[in-house]
Amino acid sequence: MDWLSSRGEQYKVVLFMDTYNNVDFTPNILVADYMELHRSLYKYFENPTQEEELA
């Protein structure tokens, strides 16, 4: 919320998803190849996607 306030956007609606999971997917991630996904998803792996990364 501090990040939104610092941008003057403290009144925006924010979606928070609790993604806590106690299953370790590390072995799956290590062998995953995003190139097997649909080409429209490549941008999420090849380019910055978070506003903090873009600043």
N, C-alpha and C. Protein backbone atom coordinates (compact mmCIF):
# COMPACT_ATOMS: atom_id res chain seq x y z
N MET A 1 0.81 -1.20 0.00
CA MET A 1 0.00 0.00 0.00
C MET A 1 0.86 1.26 0.00
N ASP A 2 2.02 1.19 0.64
CA ASP A 2 2.92 2.35 0.62
C ASP A 2 3.33 2.68 -0.81
N TRP A 3 3.56 1.63 -1.61
CA TRP A 3 3.96 1.84 -3.00
C TRP A 3 2.87 2.58 -3.77
N LEU A 4 1.60 2.20 -3.55
CA LEU A 4 0.50 2.90 -4.21
C LEU A 4 0.43 4.35 -3.75
N SER A 5 0.57 4.56 -2.45
CA SER A 5 0.52 5.92 -1.91
C SER A 5 1.62 6.79 -2.49
N SER A 6 2.81 6.21 -2.63
CA SER A 6 3.93 7.00 -3.16
C SER A 6 3.69 7.41 -4.61
N ARG A 7 2.78 6.72 -5.30
CA ARG A 7 2.46 7.04 -6.68
C ARG A 7 1.17 7.85 -6.78
N GLY A 8 0.57 8.19 -5.62
CA GLY A 8 -0.67 8.95 -5.62
C GLY A 8 -1.87 8.10 -6.03
N GLU A 9 -1.76 6.80 -5.86
CA GLU A 9 -2.82 5.90 -6.28
C GLU A 9 -3.40 5.10 -5.10
N GLN A 10 -3.39 5.70 -3.92
CA GLN A 10 -3.81 4.98 -2.72
C GLN A 10 -5.28 4.58 -2.72
N TYR A 11 -6.09 5.12 -3.62
CA TYR A 11 -7.51 4.81 -3.64
C TYR A 11 -7.88 3.82 -4.74
N LYS A 12 -6.89 3.28 -5.42
CA LYS A 12 -7.16 2.30 -6.46
C LYS A 12 -7.59 0.97 -5.83
N VAL A 13 -8.36 0.21 -6.55
CA VAL A 13 -8.74 -1.12 -6.11
C VAL A 13 -7.57 -2.05 -6.37
N VAL A 14 -7.22 -2.84 -5.36
CA VAL A 14 -6.08 -3.74 -5.47
C VAL A 14 -6.57 -5.17 -5.29
N LEU A 15 -6.14 -6.06 -6.15
CA LEU A 15 -6.46 -7.47 -6.03
C LEU A 15 -5.29 -8.16 -5.38
N PHE A 16 -5.54 -8.81 -4.27
CA PHE A 16 -4.50 -9.56 -3.58
C PHE A 16 -4.88 -11.02 -3.60
N MET A 17 -3.98 -11.83 -4.09
CA MET A 17 -4.22 -13.27 -4.12
C MET A 17 -3.23 -13.94 -3.20
N ASP A 18 -3.72 -14.69 -2.24
CA ASP A 18 -2.86 -15.44 -1.34
C ASP A 18 -2.43 -16.71 -2.08
N THR A 19 -1.19 -16.76 -2.48
CA THR A 19 -0.72 -17.89 -3.26
C THR A 19 0.15 -18.83 -2.44
N TYR A 20 0.04 -18.73 -1.12
CA TYR A 20 0.84 -19.61 -0.27
C TYR A 20 0.51 -21.06 -0.57
N ASN A 21 1.53 -21.83 -0.76
CA ASN A 21 1.37 -23.24 -1.04
C ASN A 21 2.58 -23.95 -0.44
N ASN A 22 2.36 -25.03 0.28
CA ASN A 22 3.49 -25.71 0.92
C ASN A 22 4.08 -26.81 0.03
N VAL A 23 3.66 -26.91 -1.21
CA VAL A 23 4.21 -27.88 -2.14
C VAL A 23 5.38 -27.23 -2.88
N ASP A 24 6.52 -27.88 -2.85
CA ASP A 24 7.71 -27.35 -3.52
C ASP A 24 7.70 -27.76 -4.99
N PHE A 25 7.54 -26.78 -5.86
CA PHE A 25 7.51 -27.03 -7.29
C PHE A 25 8.87 -26.83 -7.97
N THR A 26 9.91 -26.66 -7.18
CA THR A 26 11.25 -26.41 -7.72
C THR A 26 11.66 -27.43 -8.77
N PRO A 27 11.49 -28.73 -8.51
CA PRO A 27 11.90 -29.70 -9.55
C PRO A 27 11.16 -29.49 -10.88
N ASN A 28 9.89 -29.13 -10.81
CA ASN A 28 9.12 -28.89 -12.03
C ASN A 28 9.60 -27.63 -12.74
N ILE A 29 9.90 -26.60 -11.97
CA ILE A 29 10.32 -25.32 -12.54
C ILE A 29 11.68 -25.45 -13.23
N LEU A 30 12.56 -26.23 -12.63
CA LEU A 30 13.91 -26.37 -13.18
C LEU A 30 13.91 -27.01 -14.57
N VAL A 31 12.94 -27.84 -14.86
CA VAL A 31 12.91 -28.51 -16.17
C VAL A 31 11.87 -27.89 -17.11
N ALA A 32 11.15 -26.88 -16.65
CA ALA A 32 10.10 -26.26 -17.47
C ALA A 32 10.72 -25.40 -18.57
N ASP A 33 10.09 -25.39 -19.71
CA ASP A 33 10.54 -24.57 -20.83
C ASP A 33 9.36 -23.71 -21.29
N TYR A 34 9.47 -22.41 -21.07
CA TYR A 34 8.36 -21.52 -21.42
C TYR A 34 8.08 -21.53 -22.92
N MET A 35 9.03 -21.97 -23.72
CA MET A 35 8.83 -22.02 -25.17
C MET A 35 7.79 -23.08 -25.55
N GLU A 36 7.41 -23.91 -24.62
CA GLU A 36 6.36 -24.89 -24.87
C GLU A 36 4.97 -24.29 -24.65
N LEU A 37 4.92 -23.09 -24.10
CA LEU A 37 3.66 -22.39 -23.90
C LEU A 37 3.26 -21.69 -25.20
N HIS A 38 2.06 -21.16 -25.21
CA HIS A 38 1.60 -20.39 -26.36
C HIS A 38 2.49 -19.15 -26.52
N ARG A 39 2.79 -18.81 -27.75
CA ARG A 39 3.70 -17.68 -28.04
C ARG A 39 3.25 -16.37 -27.39
N SER A 40 1.97 -16.18 -27.20
CA SER A 40 1.48 -14.94 -26.60
C SER A 40 1.94 -14.78 -25.15
N LEU A 41 2.43 -15.83 -24.52
CA LEU A 41 2.88 -15.76 -23.13
C LEU A 41 4.39 -15.51 -23.02
N TYR A 42 5.12 -15.58 -24.10
CA TYR A 42 6.57 -15.40 -24.06
C TYR A 42 6.96 -14.07 -23.43
N LYS A 43 6.16 -13.03 -23.67
CA LYS A 43 6.52 -11.70 -23.18
C LYS A 43 6.69 -11.66 -21.67
N TYR A 44 5.99 -12.53 -20.96
CA TYR A 44 6.10 -12.54 -19.50
C TYR A 44 7.42 -13.13 -19.03
N PHE A 45 8.11 -13.82 -19.88
CA PHE A 45 9.39 -14.42 -19.54
C PHE A 45 10.56 -13.64 -20.14
N GLU A 46 10.29 -12.89 -21.20
CA GLU A 46 11.36 -12.21 -21.92
C GLU A 46 11.47 -10.72 -21.62
N ASN A 47 10.43 -10.12 -21.06
CA ASN A 47 10.42 -8.68 -20.80
C ASN A 47 10.03 -8.42 -19.36
N PRO A 48 10.47 -7.29 -18.79
CA PRO A 48 10.02 -6.92 -17.45
C PRO A 48 8.49 -6.77 -17.45
N THR A 49 7.85 -7.25 -16.40
CA THR A 49 6.39 -7.18 -16.33
C THR A 49 5.89 -6.36 -15.15
N GLN A 50 6.69 -6.17 -14.14
CA GLN A 50 6.26 -5.43 -12.97
C GLN A 50 6.66 -3.97 -13.10
N GLU A 51 5.80 -3.09 -12.64
CA GLU A 51 6.10 -1.66 -12.76
C GLU A 51 7.40 -1.29 -12.04
N GLU A 52 7.73 -2.02 -10.96
CA GLU A 52 8.97 -1.74 -10.25
C GLU A 52 10.17 -2.04 -11.14
N GLU A 53 10.06 -3.08 -11.98
CA GLU A 53 11.15 -3.44 -12.87
C GLU A 53 11.29 -2.44 -14.02
N LEU A 54 10.20 -1.81 -14.39
CA LEU A 54 10.20 -0.90 -15.52
C LEU A 54 10.68 0.49 -15.16
N ALA A 55 10.66 0.83 -13.87
CA ALA A 55 11.03 2.18 -13.43
C ALA A 55 12.51 2.43 -13.51
